[in-house]
Amino acid sequence: KQWYQRRVRGDWRGTNDHWTPASQWTDICQNNLDFVVKLENEQVEIPYLLEQLGLSEHLEYFLGKHNSSGEKEVAGSEVERYMSELSEEQKARVNDIYEMDYEVFGYDPV
């Protein structure tokens, strides 16, 4: 629950950037972005992005040793473990913190 307590206070110092709401570090509302790639969908989205940029010949590089797909299952179970430790009220607060990410990036609330 320490993870939760730090996030509710807005304390992101010394944390893995993966827990920081993407909407806090992307300035998505202030930038005219052409692409937003969700790495959990990288097997589909990276080839599309590279094709659009005329860089398809580099696909193997991006989906080879740099592919993090094997880590996603572990990361997902880690999130589930964290969420299972929280009360419904605490989960609602987490949803408040990540509300913009849910809306902008199409993620589901916990």
PDB file of N, CA and C in Angstrom:
ATOM      1  N   LYS A   1       0.822  -1.205   0.000  1.00  0.00           N
ATOM      2  CA  LYS A   1       0.000   0.000   0.000  1.00  0.00           C
ATOM      3  C   LYS A   1       0.855   1.255   0.000  1.00  0.00           C
ATOM      4  N   GLN A   2       2.149   1.096   0.210  1.00  0.00           N
ATOM      5  CA  GLN A   2       3.054   2.247   0.153  1.00  0.00           C
ATOM      6  C   GLN A   2       3.005   2.868  -1.255  1.00  0.00           C
ATOM      7  N   TRP A   3       2.947   2.014  -2.266  1.00  0.00           N
ATOM      8  CA  TRP A   3       2.830   2.490  -3.645  1.00  0.00           C
ATOM      9  C   TRP A   3       1.640   3.421  -3.767  1.00  0.00           C
ATOM     10  N   TYR A   4       0.499   2.996  -3.259  1.00  0.00           N
ATOM     11  CA  TYR A   4      -0.727   3.773  -3.329  1.00  0.00           C
ATOM     12  C   TYR A   4      -0.576   5.097  -2.576  1.00  0.00           C
ATOM     13  N   GLN A   5      -0.057   5.043  -1.363  1.00  0.00           N
ATOM     14  CA  GLN A   5       0.059   6.245  -0.537  1.00  0.00           C
ATOM     15  C   GLN A   5       0.922   7.309  -1.208  1.00  0.00           C
ATOM     16  N   ARG A   6       2.009   6.898  -1.840  1.00  0.00           N
ATOM     17  CA  ARG A   6       2.871   7.863  -2.532  1.00  0.00           C
ATOM     18  C   ARG A   6       2.152   8.468  -3.733  1.00  0.00           C
ATOM     19  N   ARG A   7       1.402   7.681  -4.478  1.00  0.00           N
ATOM     20  CA  ARG A   7       0.722   8.178  -5.664  1.00  0.00           C
ATOM     21  C   ARG A   7      -0.394   9.147  -5.300  1.00  0.00           C
ATOM     22  N   VAL A   8      -1.133   8.849  -4.249  1.00  0.00           N
ATOM     23  CA  VAL A   8      -2.226   9.715  -3.819  1.00  0.00           C
ATOM     24  C   VAL A   8      -1.678  11.079  -3.394  1.00  0.00           C
ATOM     25  N   ARG A   9      -0.500  11.095  -2.806  1.00  0.00           N
ATOM     26  CA  ARG A   9       0.136  12.363  -2.429  1.00  0.00           C
ATOM     27  C   ARG A   9       0.717  13.074  -3.647  1.00  0.00           C
ATOM     28  N   GLY A  10       0.717  12.421  -4.803  1.00  0.00           N
ATOM     29  CA  GLY A  10       1.311  13.015  -5.997  1.00  0.00           C
ATOM     30  C   GLY A  10       2.817  12.929  -5.980  1.00  0.00           C
ATOM     31  N   ASP A  11       3.347  12.013  -5.198  1.00  0.00           N
ATOM     32  CA  ASP A  11       4.795  11.857  -5.043  1.00  0.00           C
ATOM     33  C   ASP A  11       5.298  10.850  -6.067  1.00  0.00           C
ATOM     34  N   TRP A  12       5.885  11.355  -7.160  1.00  0.00           N
ATOM     35  CA  TRP A  12       6.398  10.497  -8.222  1.00  0.00           C
ATOM     36  C   TRP A  12       7.914  10.407  -8.173  1.00  0.00           C
ATOM     37  N   ARG A  13       8.552  11.092  -7.206  1.00  0.00           N
ATOM     38  CA  ARG A  13      10.022  11.100  -7.128  1.00  0.00           C
ATOM     39  C   ARG A  13      10.554   9.696  -6.861  1.00  0.00           C
ATOM     40  N   GLY A  14      11.638   9.389  -7.533  1.00  0.00           N
ATOM     41  CA  GLY A  14      12.304   8.114  -7.296  1.00  0.00           C
ATOM     42  C   GLY A  14      11.504   6.903  -7.720  1.00  0.00           C
ATOM     43  N   THR A  15      10.474   7.121  -8.506  1.00  0.00           N
ATOM     44  CA  THR A  15       9.654   5.988  -8.930  1.00  0.00           C
ATOM     45  C   THR A  15       9.955   5.660 -10.382  1.00  0.00           C
ATOM     46  N   ASN A  16       9.553   4.490 -10.755  1.00  0.00           N
ATOM     47  CA  ASN A  16       9.658   4.060 -12.134  1.00  0.00           C
ATOM     48  C   ASN A  16       8.652   4.869 -12.945  1.00  0.00           C
ATOM     49  N   ASP A  17       9.097   5.493 -14.015  1.00  0.00           N
ATOM     50  CA  ASP A  17       8.200   6.327 -14.819  1.00  0.00           C
ATOM     51  C   ASP A  17       6.987   5.577 -15.353  1.00  0.00           C
ATOM     52  N   HIS A  18       7.019   4.257 -15.320  1.00  0.00           N
ATOM     53  CA  HIS A  18       5.872   3.489 -15.802  1.00  0.00           C
ATOM     54  C   HIS A  18       4.626   3.759 -14.963  1.00  0.00           C
ATOM     55  N   TRP A  19       4.796   4.196 -13.726  1.00  0.00           N
ATOM     56  CA  TRP A  19       3.651   4.451 -12.860  1.00  0.00           C
ATOM     57  C   TRP A  19       3.148   5.879 -12.982  1.00  0.00           C
ATOM     58  N   THR A  20       3.917   6.772 -13.566  1.00  0.00           N
ATOM     59  CA  THR A  20       3.490   8.159 -13.739  1.00  0.00           C
ATOM     60  C   THR A  20       2.425   8.201 -14.833  1.00  0.00           C
ATOM     61  N   PRO A  21       1.297   8.859 -14.559  1.00  0.00           N
ATOM     62  CA  PRO A  21       0.284   8.960 -15.617  1.00  0.00           C
ATOM     63  C   PRO A  21       0.899   9.528 -16.895  1.00  0.00           C
ATOM     64  N   ALA A  22       0.667   8.860 -17.998  1.00  0.00           N
ATOM     65  CA  ALA A  22       1.246   9.293 -19.278  1.00  0.00           C
ATOM     66  C   ALA A  22       0.811  10.707 -19.617  1.00  0.00           C
ATOM     67  N   SER A  23      -0.385  11.065 -19.232  1.00  0.00           N
ATOM     68  CA  SER A  23      -0.881  12.406 -19.530  1.00  0.00           C
ATOM     69  C   SER A  23      -0.072  13.490 -18.812  1.00  0.00           C
ATOM     70  N   GLN A  24       0.695  13.110 -17.773  1.00  0.00           N
ATOM     71  CA  GLN A  24       1.527  14.087 -17.068  1.00  0.00           C
ATOM     72  C   GLN A  24       2.833  14.360 -17.793  1.00  0.00           C
ATOM     73  N   TRP A  25       3.327  13.405 -18.543  1.00  0.00           N
ATOM     74  CA  TRP A  25       4.628  13.623 -19.183  1.00  0.00           C
ATOM     75  C   TRP A  25       4.568  13.711 -20.693  1.00  0.00           C
ATOM     76  N   THR A  26       3.393  13.596 -21.284  1.00  0.00           N
ATOM     77  CA  THR A  26       3.316  13.660 -22.742  1.00  0.00           C
ATOM     78  C   THR A  26       2.841  15.000 -23.279  1.00  0.00           C
ATOM     79  N   ASP A  27       2.202  15.817 -22.462  1.00  0.00           N
ATOM     80  CA  ASP A  27       1.610  17.073 -22.937  1.00  0.00           C
ATOM     81  C   ASP A  27       0.738  16.822 -24.164  1.00  0.00           C
ATOM     82  N   ILE A  28       0.006  15.727 -24.143  1.00  0.00           N
ATOM     83  CA  ILE A  28      -0.780  15.318 -25.304  1.00  0.00           C
ATOM     84  C   ILE A  28      -1.811  16.374 -25.710  1.00  0.00           C
ATOM     85  N   CYS A  29      -2.311  17.129 -24.751  1.00  0.00           N
ATOM     86  CA  CYS A  29      -3.310  18.142 -25.073  1.00  0.00           C
ATOM     87  C   CYS A  29      -2.683  19.395 -25.687  1.00  0.00           C
ATOM     88  N   GLN A  30      -1.376  19.563 -25.516  1.00  0.00           N
ATOM     89  CA  GLN A  30      -0.708  20.758 -26.019  1.00  0.00           C
ATOM     90  C   GLN A  30       0.091  20.491 -27.286  1.00  0.00           C
ATOM     91  N   ASN A  31       0.234  19.251 -27.679  1.00  0.00           N
ATOM     92  CA  ASN A  31       1.025  18.901 -28.848  1.00  0.00           C
ATOM     93  C   ASN A  31       0.129  18.350 -29.948  1.00  0.00           C
ATOM     94  N   ASN A  32       0.526  18.576 -31.157  1.00  0.00           N
ATOM     95  CA  ASN A  32      -0.179  18.035 -32.305  1.00  0.00           C
ATOM     96  C   ASN A  32       0.527  16.732 -32.697  1.00  0.00           C
ATOM     97  N   LEU A  33       0.157  15.650 -32.047  1.00  0.00           N
ATOM     98  CA  LEU A  33       0.818  14.369 -32.261  1.00  0.00           C
ATOM     99  C   LEU A  33       0.248  13.661 -33.483  1.00  0.00           C
ATOM    100  N   ASP A  34       1.128  13.054 -34.244  1.00  0.00           N
ATOM    101  CA  ASP A  34       0.696  12.248 -35.376  1.00  0.00           C
ATOM    102  C   ASP A  34       0.462  10.801 -34.980  1.00  0.00           C
ATOM    103  N   PHE A  35       1.203  10.321 -33.982  1.00  0.00           N
ATOM    104  CA  PHE A  35       1.105   8.924 -33.560  1.00  0.00           C
ATOM    105  C   PHE A  35       1.198   8.824 -32.042  1.00  0.00           C
ATOM    106  N   VAL A  36       0.454   7.889 -31.499  1.00  0.00           N
ATOM    107  CA  VAL A  36       0.601   7.465 -30.112  1.00  0.00           C
ATOM    108  C   VAL A  36       0.646   5.946 -30.170  1.00  0.00           C
ATOM    109  N   VAL A  37       1.759   5.373 -29.754  1.00  0.00           N
ATOM    110  CA  VAL A  37       1.948   3.934 -29.818  1.00  0.00           C
ATOM    111  C   VAL A  37       1.834   3.365 -28.414  1.00  0.00           C
ATOM    112  N   LYS A  38       0.935   2.415 -28.250  1.00  0.00           N
ATOM    113  CA  LYS A  38       0.817   1.701 -26.984  1.00  0.00           C
ATOM    114  C   LYS A  38       1.731   0.490 -27.069  1.00  0.00           C
ATOM    115  N   LEU A  39       2.706   0.438 -26.211  1.00  0.00           N
ATOM    116  CA  LEU A  39       3.673  -0.652 -26.296  1.00  0.00           C
ATOM    117  C   LEU A  39       3.062  -2.009 -25.966  1.00  0.00           C
ATOM    118  N   GLU A  40       1.937  -2.018 -25.267  1.00  0.00           N
ATOM    119  CA  GLU A  40       1.289  -3.309 -25.022  1.00  0.00           C
ATOM    120  C   GLU A  40       0.708  -3.875 -26.306  1.00  0.00           C
ATOM    121  N   ASN A  41       0.604  -3.047 -27.340  1.00  0.00           N
ATOM    122  CA  ASN A  41       0.147  -3.485 -28.659  1.00  0.00           C
ATOM    123  C   ASN A  41       1.257  -3.368 -29.698  1.00  0.00           C
ATOM    124  N   GLU A  42       2.493  -3.417 -29.257  1.00  0.00           N
ATOM    125  CA  GLU A  42       3.616  -3.116 -30.157  1.00  0.00           C
ATOM    126  C   GLU A  42       3.720  -4.043 -31.355  1.00  0.00           C
ATOM    127  N   GLN A  43       3.270  -5.259 -31.248  1.00  0.00           N
ATOM    128  CA  GLN A  43       3.363  -6.189 -32.379  1.00  0.00           C
ATOM    129  C   GLN A  43       2.542  -5.702 -33.573  1.00  0.00           C
ATOM    130  N   VAL A  44       1.516  -4.912 -33.317  1.00  0.00           N
ATOM    131  CA  VAL A  44       0.684  -4.354 -34.377  1.00  0.00           C
ATOM    132  C   VAL A  44       1.052  -2.897 -34.651  1.00  0.00           C
ATOM    133  N   GLU A  45       1.240  -2.141 -33.598  1.00  0.00           N
ATOM    134  CA  GLU A  45       1.409  -0.700 -33.752  1.00  0.00           C
ATOM    135  C   GLU A  45       2.783  -0.284 -34.270  1.00  0.00           C
ATOM    136  N   ILE A  46       3.844  -0.961 -33.869  1.00  0.00           N
ATOM    137  CA  ILE A  46       5.183  -0.578 -34.340  1.00  0.00           C
ATOM    138  C   ILE A  46       5.320  -0.828 -35.847  1.00  0.00           C
ATOM    139  N   PRO A  47       4.890  -1.976 -36.365  1.00  0.00           N
ATOM    140  CA  PRO A  47       4.968  -2.134 -37.823  1.00  0.00           C
ATOM    141  C   PRO A  47       4.186  -1.044 -38.572  1.00  0.00           C
ATOM    142  N   TYR A  48       3.007  -0.704 -38.068  1.00  0.00           N
ATOM    143  CA  TYR A  48       2.219   0.347 -38.711  1.00  0.00           C
ATOM    144  C   TYR A  48       2.954   1.684 -38.677  1.00  0.00           C
ATOM    145  N   LEU A  49       3.492   2.035 -37.524  1.00  0.00           N
ATOM    146  CA  LEU A  49       4.222   3.287 -37.377  1.00  0.00           C
ATOM    147  C   LEU A  49       5.420   3.341 -38.320  1.00  0.00           C
ATOM    148  N   LEU A  50       6.208   2.275 -38.338  1.00  0.00           N
ATOM    149  CA  LEU A  50       7.381   2.246 -39.205  1.00  0.00           C
ATOM    150  C   LEU A  50       6.990   2.345 -40.678  1.00  0.00           C
ATOM    151  N   GLU A  51       5.895   1.694 -41.053  1.00  0.00           N
ATOM    152  CA  GLU A  51       5.422   1.778 -42.436  1.00  0.00           C
ATOM    153  C   GLU A  51       5.036   3.218 -42.779  1.00  0.00           C
ATOM    154  N   GLN A  52       4.320   3.867 -41.874  1.00  0.00           N
ATOM    155  CA  GLN A  52       3.896   5.246 -42.106  1.00  0.00           C
ATOM    156  C   GLN A  52       5.086   6.199 -42.214  1.00  0.00           C
ATOM    157  N   LEU A  53       6.159   5.888 -41.503  1.00  0.00           N
ATOM    158  CA  LEU A  53       7.351   6.737 -41.522  1.00  0.00           C
ATOM    159  C   LEU A  53       8.349   6.338 -42.603  1.00  0.00           C
ATOM    160  N   GLY A  54       8.022   5.290 -43.374  1.00  0.00           N
ATOM    161  CA  GLY A  54       8.928   4.824 -44.418  1.00  0.00           C
ATOM    162  C   GLY A  54      10.150   4.124 -43.868  1.00  0.00           C
ATOM    163  N   LEU A  55       9.991   3.478 -42.711  1.00  0.00           N
ATOM    164  CA  LEU A  55      11.114   2.823 -42.048  1.00  0.00           C
ATOM    165  C   LEU A  55      10.879   1.330 -41.831  1.00  0.00           C
ATOM    166  N   SER A  56      10.053   0.735 -42.653  1.00  0.00           N
ATOM    167  CA  SER A  56       9.701  -0.679 -42.481  1.00  0.00           C
ATOM    168  C   SER A  56      10.909  -1.600 -42.444  1.00  0.00           C
ATOM    169  N   GLU A  57      11.978  -1.212 -43.128  1.00  0.00           N
ATOM    170  CA  GLU A  57      13.175  -2.070 -43.142  1.00  0.00           C
ATOM    171  C   GLU A  57      13.806  -2.200 -41.756  1.00  0.00           C
ATOM    172  N   HIS A  58      13.409  -1.385 -40.792  1.00  0.00           N
ATOM    173  CA  HIS A  58      13.967  -1.433 -39.441  1.00  0.00           C
ATOM    174  C   HIS A  58      13.084  -2.215 -38.470  1.00  0.00           C
ATOM    175  N   LEU A  59      12.054  -2.858 -38.977  1.00  0.00           N
ATOM    176  CA  LEU A  59      11.106  -3.575 -38.136  1.00  0.00           C
ATOM    177  C   LEU A  59      11.790  -4.606 -37.255  1.00  0.00           C
ATOM    178  N   GLU A  60      12.690  -5.374 -37.817  1.00  0.00           N
ATOM    179  CA  GLU A  60      13.364  -6.416 -37.048  1.00  0.00           C
ATOM    180  C   GLU A  60      14.092  -5.847 -35.839  1.00  0.00           C
ATOM    181  N   TYR A  61      14.700  -4.691 -36.002  1.00  0.00           N
ATOM    182  CA  TYR A  61      15.398  -4.032 -34.896  1.00  0.00           C
ATOM    183  C   TYR A  61      14.426  -3.716 -33.762  1.00  0.00           C
ATOM    184  N   PHE A  62      13.268  -3.161 -34.104  1.00  0.00           N
ATOM    185  CA  PHE A  62      12.311  -2.745 -33.079  1.00  0.00           C
ATOM    186  C   PHE A  62      11.580  -3.914 -32.442  1.00  0.00           C
ATOM    187  N   LEU A  63      11.343  -4.969 -33.184  1.00  0.00           N
ATOM    188  CA  LEU A  63      10.610  -6.108 -32.631  1.00  0.00           C
ATOM    189  C   LEU A  63      11.519  -7.276 -32.272  1.00  0.00           C
ATOM    190  N   GLY A  64      12.805  -7.104 -32.407  1.00  0.00           N
ATOM    191  CA  GLY A  64      13.759  -8.154 -32.067  1.00  0.00           C
ATOM    192  C   GLY A  64      14.080  -8.135 -30.595  1.00  0.00           C
ATOM    193  N   LYS A  65      15.331  -7.915 -30.283  1.00  0.00           N
ATOM    194  CA  LYS A  65      15.771  -7.968 -28.888  1.00  0.00           C
ATOM    195  C   LYS A  65      15.180  -6.854 -28.039  1.00  0.00           C
ATOM    196  N   HIS A  66      14.635  -5.819 -28.659  1.00  0.00           N
ATOM    197  CA  HIS A  66      14.071  -4.714 -27.907  1.00  0.00           C
ATOM    198  C   HIS A  66      12.604  -4.928 -27.577  1.00  0.00           C
ATOM    199  N   ASN A  67      12.060  -6.040 -27.987  1.00  0.00           N
ATOM    200  CA  ASN A  67      10.661  -6.344 -27.750  1.00  0.00           C
ATOM    201  C   ASN A  67      10.463  -6.649 -26.273  1.00  0.00           C
ATOM    202  N   SER A  68       9.520  -5.965 -25.666  1.00  0.00           N
ATOM    203  CA  SER A  68       9.254  -6.179 -24.248  1.00  0.00           C
ATOM    204  C   SER A  68       7.980  -6.987 -24.017  1.00  0.00           C
ATOM    205  N   SER A  69       7.456  -7.622 -25.050  1.00  0.00           N
ATOM    206  CA  SER A  69       6.185  -8.342 -24.928  1.00  0.00           C
ATOM    207  C   SER A  69       6.214  -9.387 -23.823  1.00  0.00           C
ATOM    208  N   GLY A  70       7.326 -10.060 -23.639  1.00  0.00           N
ATOM    209  CA  GLY A  70       7.417 -11.082 -22.603  1.00  0.00           C
ATOM    210  C   GLY A  70       7.288 -10.523 -21.209  1.00  0.00           C
ATOM    211  N   GLU A  71       7.588  -9.246 -21.051  1.00  0.00           N
ATOM    212  CA  GLU A  71       7.504  -8.617 -19.739  1.00  0.00           C
ATOM    213  C   GLU A  71       6.105  -8.119 -19.423  1.00  0.00           C
ATOM    214  N   LYS A  72       5.255  -8.014 -20.407  1.00  0.00           N
ATOM    215  CA  LYS A  72       3.933  -7.439 -20.203  1.00  0.00           C
ATOM    216  C   LYS A  72       3.066  -8.292 -19.286  1.00  0.00           C
ATOM    217  N   GLU A  73       3.160  -9.605 -19.439  1.00  0.00           N
ATOM    218  CA  GLU A  73       2.365 -10.473 -18.588  1.00  0.00           C
ATOM    219  C   GLU A  73       2.764 -10.305 -17.132  1.00  0.00           C
ATOM    220  N   VAL A  74       4.061 -10.190 -16.882  1.00  0.00           N
ATOM    221  CA  VAL A  74       4.557  -9.978 -15.525  1.00  0.00           C
ATOM    222  C   VAL A  74       4.075  -8.637 -15.005  1.00  0.00           C
ATOM    223  N   ALA A  75       4.198  -7.593 -15.810  1.00  0.00           N
ATOM    224  CA  ALA A  75       3.764  -6.260 -15.400  1.00  0.00           C
ATOM    225  C   ALA A  75       2.270  -6.245 -15.113  1.00  0.00           C
ATOM    226  N   GLY A  76       1.476  -6.911 -15.953  1.00  0.00           N
ATOM    227  CA  GLY A  76       0.041  -6.972 -15.723  1.00  0.00           C
ATOM    228  C   GLY A  76      -0.305  -7.663 -14.429  1.00  0.00           C
ATOM    229  N   SER A  77       0.364  -8.756 -14.113  1.00  0.00           N
ATOM    230  CA  SER A  77       0.093  -9.456 -12.857  1.00  0.00           C
ATOM    231  C   SER A  77       0.554  -8.626 -11.667  1.00  0.00           C
ATOM    232  N   GLU A  78       1.591  -7.810 -11.851  1.00  0.00           N
ATOM    233  CA  GLU A  78       2.056  -6.923 -10.782  1.00  0.00           C
ATOM    234  C   GLU A  78       0.986  -5.872 -10.476  1.00  0.00           C
ATOM    235  N   VAL A  79       0.393  -5.305 -11.511  1.00  0.00           N
ATOM    236  CA  VAL A  79      -0.674  -4.325 -11.324  1.00  0.00           C
ATOM    237  C   VAL A  79      -1.858  -4.987 -10.620  1.00  0.00           C
ATOM    238  N   GLU A  80      -2.235  -6.173 -11.067  1.00  0.00           N
ATOM    239  CA  GLU A  80      -3.347  -6.880 -10.426  1.00  0.00           C
ATOM    240  C   GLU A  80      -3.069  -7.126  -8.947  1.00  0.00           C
ATOM    241  N   ARG A  81      -1.829  -7.476  -8.632  1.00  0.00           N
ATOM    242  CA  ARG A  81      -1.464  -7.710  -7.223  1.00  0.00           C
ATOM    243  C   ARG A  81      -1.611  -6.418  -6.421  1.00  0.00           C
ATOM    244  N   TYR A  82      -1.093  -5.312  -6.960  1.00  0.00           N
ATOM    245  CA  TYR A  82      -1.225  -4.025  -6.266  1.00  0.00           C
ATOM    246  C   TYR A  82      -2.689  -3.672  -6.059  1.00  0.00           C
ATOM    247  N   MET A  83      -3.493  -3.826  -7.089  1.00  0.00           N
ATOM    248  CA  MET A  83      -4.895  -3.438  -7.002  1.00  0.00           C
ATOM    249  C   MET A  83      -5.671  -4.323  -6.022  1.00  0.00           C
ATOM    250  N   SER A  84      -5.293  -5.592  -5.925  1.00  0.00           N
ATOM    251  CA  SER A  84      -5.995  -6.496  -5.020  1.00  0.00           C
ATOM    252  C   SER A  84      -5.780  -6.114  -3.555  1.00  0.00           C
ATOM    253  N   GLU A  85      -4.763  -5.337  -3.282  1.00  0.00           N
ATOM    254  CA  GLU A  85      -4.463  -4.907  -1.912  1.00  0.00           C
ATOM    255  C   GLU A  85      -5.228  -3.647  -1.511  1.00  0.00           C
ATOM    256  N   LEU A  86      -5.927  -3.033  -2.465  1.00  0.00           N
ATOM    257  CA  LEU A  86      -6.596  -1.760  -2.201  1.00  0.00           C
ATOM    258  C   LEU A  86      -8.081  -1.939  -1.942  1.00  0.00           C
ATOM    259  N   SER A  87      -8.628  -1.044  -1.124  1.00  0.00           N
ATOM    260  CA  SER A  87     -10.066  -1.013  -0.892  1.00  0.00           C
ATOM    261  C   SER A  87     -10.741  -0.406  -2.120  1.00  0.00           C
ATOM    262  N   GLU A  88     -12.068  -0.502  -2.175  1.00  0.00           N
ATOM    263  CA  GLU A  88     -12.808   0.091  -3.294  1.00  0.00           C
ATOM    264  C   GLU A  88     -12.607   1.608  -3.330  1.00  0.00           C
ATOM    265  N   GLU A  89     -12.552   2.231  -2.164  1.00  0.00           N
ATOM    266  CA  GLU A  89     -12.320   3.679  -2.096  1.00  0.00           C
ATOM    267  C   GLU A  89     -10.939   4.033  -2.656  1.00  0.00           C
ATOM    268  N   GLN A  90      -9.949   3.240  -2.315  1.00  0.00           N
ATOM    269  CA  GLN A  90      -8.594   3.484  -2.817  1.00  0.00           C
ATOM    270  C   GLN A  90      -8.525   3.261  -4.331  1.00  0.00           C
ATOM    271  N   LYS A  91      -9.217   2.236  -4.825  1.00  0.00           N
ATOM    272  CA  LYS A  91      -9.257   2.001  -6.270  1.00  0.00           C
ATOM    273  C   LYS A  91      -9.903   3.183  -6.982  1.00  0.00           C
ATOM    274  N   ALA A  92     -10.937   3.755  -6.373  1.00  0.00           N
ATOM    275  CA  ALA A  92     -11.590   4.925  -6.962  1.00  0.00           C
ATOM    276  C   ALA A  92     -10.604   6.087  -7.045  1.00  0.00           C
ATOM    277  N   ARG A  93      -9.763   6.237  -6.046  1.00  0.00           N
ATOM    278  CA  ARG A  93      -8.756   7.313  -6.062  1.00  0.00           C
ATOM    279  C   ARG A  93      -7.718   7.065  -7.162  1.00  0.00           C
ATOM    280  N   VAL A  94      -7.310   5.812  -7.334  1.00  0.00           N
ATOM    281  CA  VAL A  94      -6.385   5.470  -8.424  1.00  0.00           C
ATOM    282  C   VAL A  94      -7.026   5.825  -9.755  1.00  0.00           C
ATOM    283  N   ASN A  95      -8.304   5.512  -9.896  1.00  0.00           N
ATOM    284  CA  ASN A  95      -9.014   5.859 -11.131  1.00  0.00           C
ATOM    285  C   ASN A  95      -9.036   7.367 -11.351  1.00  0.00           C
ATOM    286  N   ASP A  96      -9.159   8.136 -10.272  1.00  0.00           N
ATOM    287  CA  ASP A  96      -9.107   9.599 -10.395  1.00  0.00           C
ATOM    288  C   ASP A  96      -7.732  10.049 -10.896  1.00  0.00           C
ATOM    289  N   ILE A  97      -6.677   9.457 -10.361  1.00  0.00           N
ATOM    290  CA  ILE A  97      -5.303   9.833 -10.729  1.00  0.00           C
ATOM    291  C   ILE A  97      -5.059   9.563 -12.211  1.00  0.00           C
ATOM    292  N   TYR A  98      -5.547   8.440 -12.709  1.00  0.00           N
ATOM    293  CA  TYR A  98      -5.293   8.028 -14.092  1.00  0.00           C
ATOM    294  C   TYR A  98      -6.451   8.339 -15.042  1.00  0.00           C
ATOM    295  N   GLU A  99      -7.416   9.133 -14.588  1.00  0.00           N
ATOM    296  CA  GLU A  99      -8.612   9.402 -15.387  1.00  0.00           C
ATOM    297  C   GLU A  99      -8.285   9.923 -16.792  1.00  0.00           C
ATOM    298  N   MET A 100      -7.358  10.855 -16.895  1.00  0.00           N
ATOM    299  CA  MET A 100      -7.013  11.416 -18.206  1.00  0.00           C
ATOM    300  C   MET A 100      -6.397  10.343 -19.104  1.00  0.00           C
ATOM    301  N   ASP A 101      -5.568   9.463 -18.544  1.00  0.00           N
ATOM    302  CA  ASP A 101      -4.987   8.375 -19.334  1.00  0.00           C
ATOM    303  C   ASP A 101      -6.084   7.451 -19.860  1.00  0.00           C
ATOM    304  N   TYR A 102      -7.053   7.138 -19.010  1.00  0.00           N
ATOM    305  CA  TYR A 102      -8.143   6.267 -19.439  1.00  0.00           C
ATOM    306  C   TYR A 102      -8.871   6.893 -20.620  1.00  0.00           C
ATOM    307  N   GLU A 103      -9.136   8.178 -20.511  1.00  0.00           N
ATOM    308  CA  GLU A 103      -9.902   8.868 -21.546  1.00  0.00           C
ATOM    309  C   GLU A 103      -9.102   9.033 -22.845  1.00  0.00           C
ATOM    310  N   VAL A 104      -7.883   9.525 -22.725  1.00  0.00           N
ATOM    311  CA  VAL A 104      -7.084   9.852 -23.903  1.00  0.00           C
ATOM    312  C   VAL A 104      -6.531   8.618 -24.597  1.00  0.00           C
ATOM    313  N   PHE A 105      -6.082   7.639 -23.816  1.00  0.00           N
ATOM    314  CA  PHE A 105      -5.404   6.479 -24.394  1.00  0.00           C
ATOM    315  C   PHE A 105      -6.279   5.227 -24.465  1.00  0.00           C
ATOM    316  N   GLY A 106      -7.495   5.307 -23.969  1.00  0.00           N
ATOM    317  CA  GLY A 106      -8.411   4.186 -24.077  1.00  0.00           C
ATOM    318  C   GLY A 106      -8.146   3.055 -23.101  1.00  0.00           C
ATOM    319  N   TYR A 107      -7.562   3.373 -21.951  1.00  0.00           N
ATOM    320  CA  TYR A 107      -7.336   2.344 -20.937  1.00  0.00           C
ATOM    321  C   TYR A 107      -8.577   2.187 -20.070  1.00  0.00           C
ATOM    322  N   ASP A 108      -8.744   1.016 -19.470  1.00  0.00           N
ATOM    323  CA  ASP A 108      -9.882   0.736 -18.613  1.00  0.00           C
ATOM    324  C   ASP A 108      -9.547   1.059 -17.162  1.00  0.00           C
ATOM    325  N   PRO A 109     -10.490   1.670 -16.437  1.00  0.00           N
ATOM    326  CA  PRO A 109     -10.276   1.901 -15.007  1.00  0.00           C
ATOM    327  C   PRO A 109     -10.116   0.578 -14.259  1.00  0.00           C
ATOM    328  N   VAL A 110      -9.494   0.669 -13.085  1.00  0.00           N
ATOM    329  CA  VAL A 110      -9.286  -0.543 -12.273  1.00  0.00           C
ATOM    330  C   VAL A 110     -10.511  -0.857 -11.453  1.00  0.00           C
TER     331      VAL A 110
END
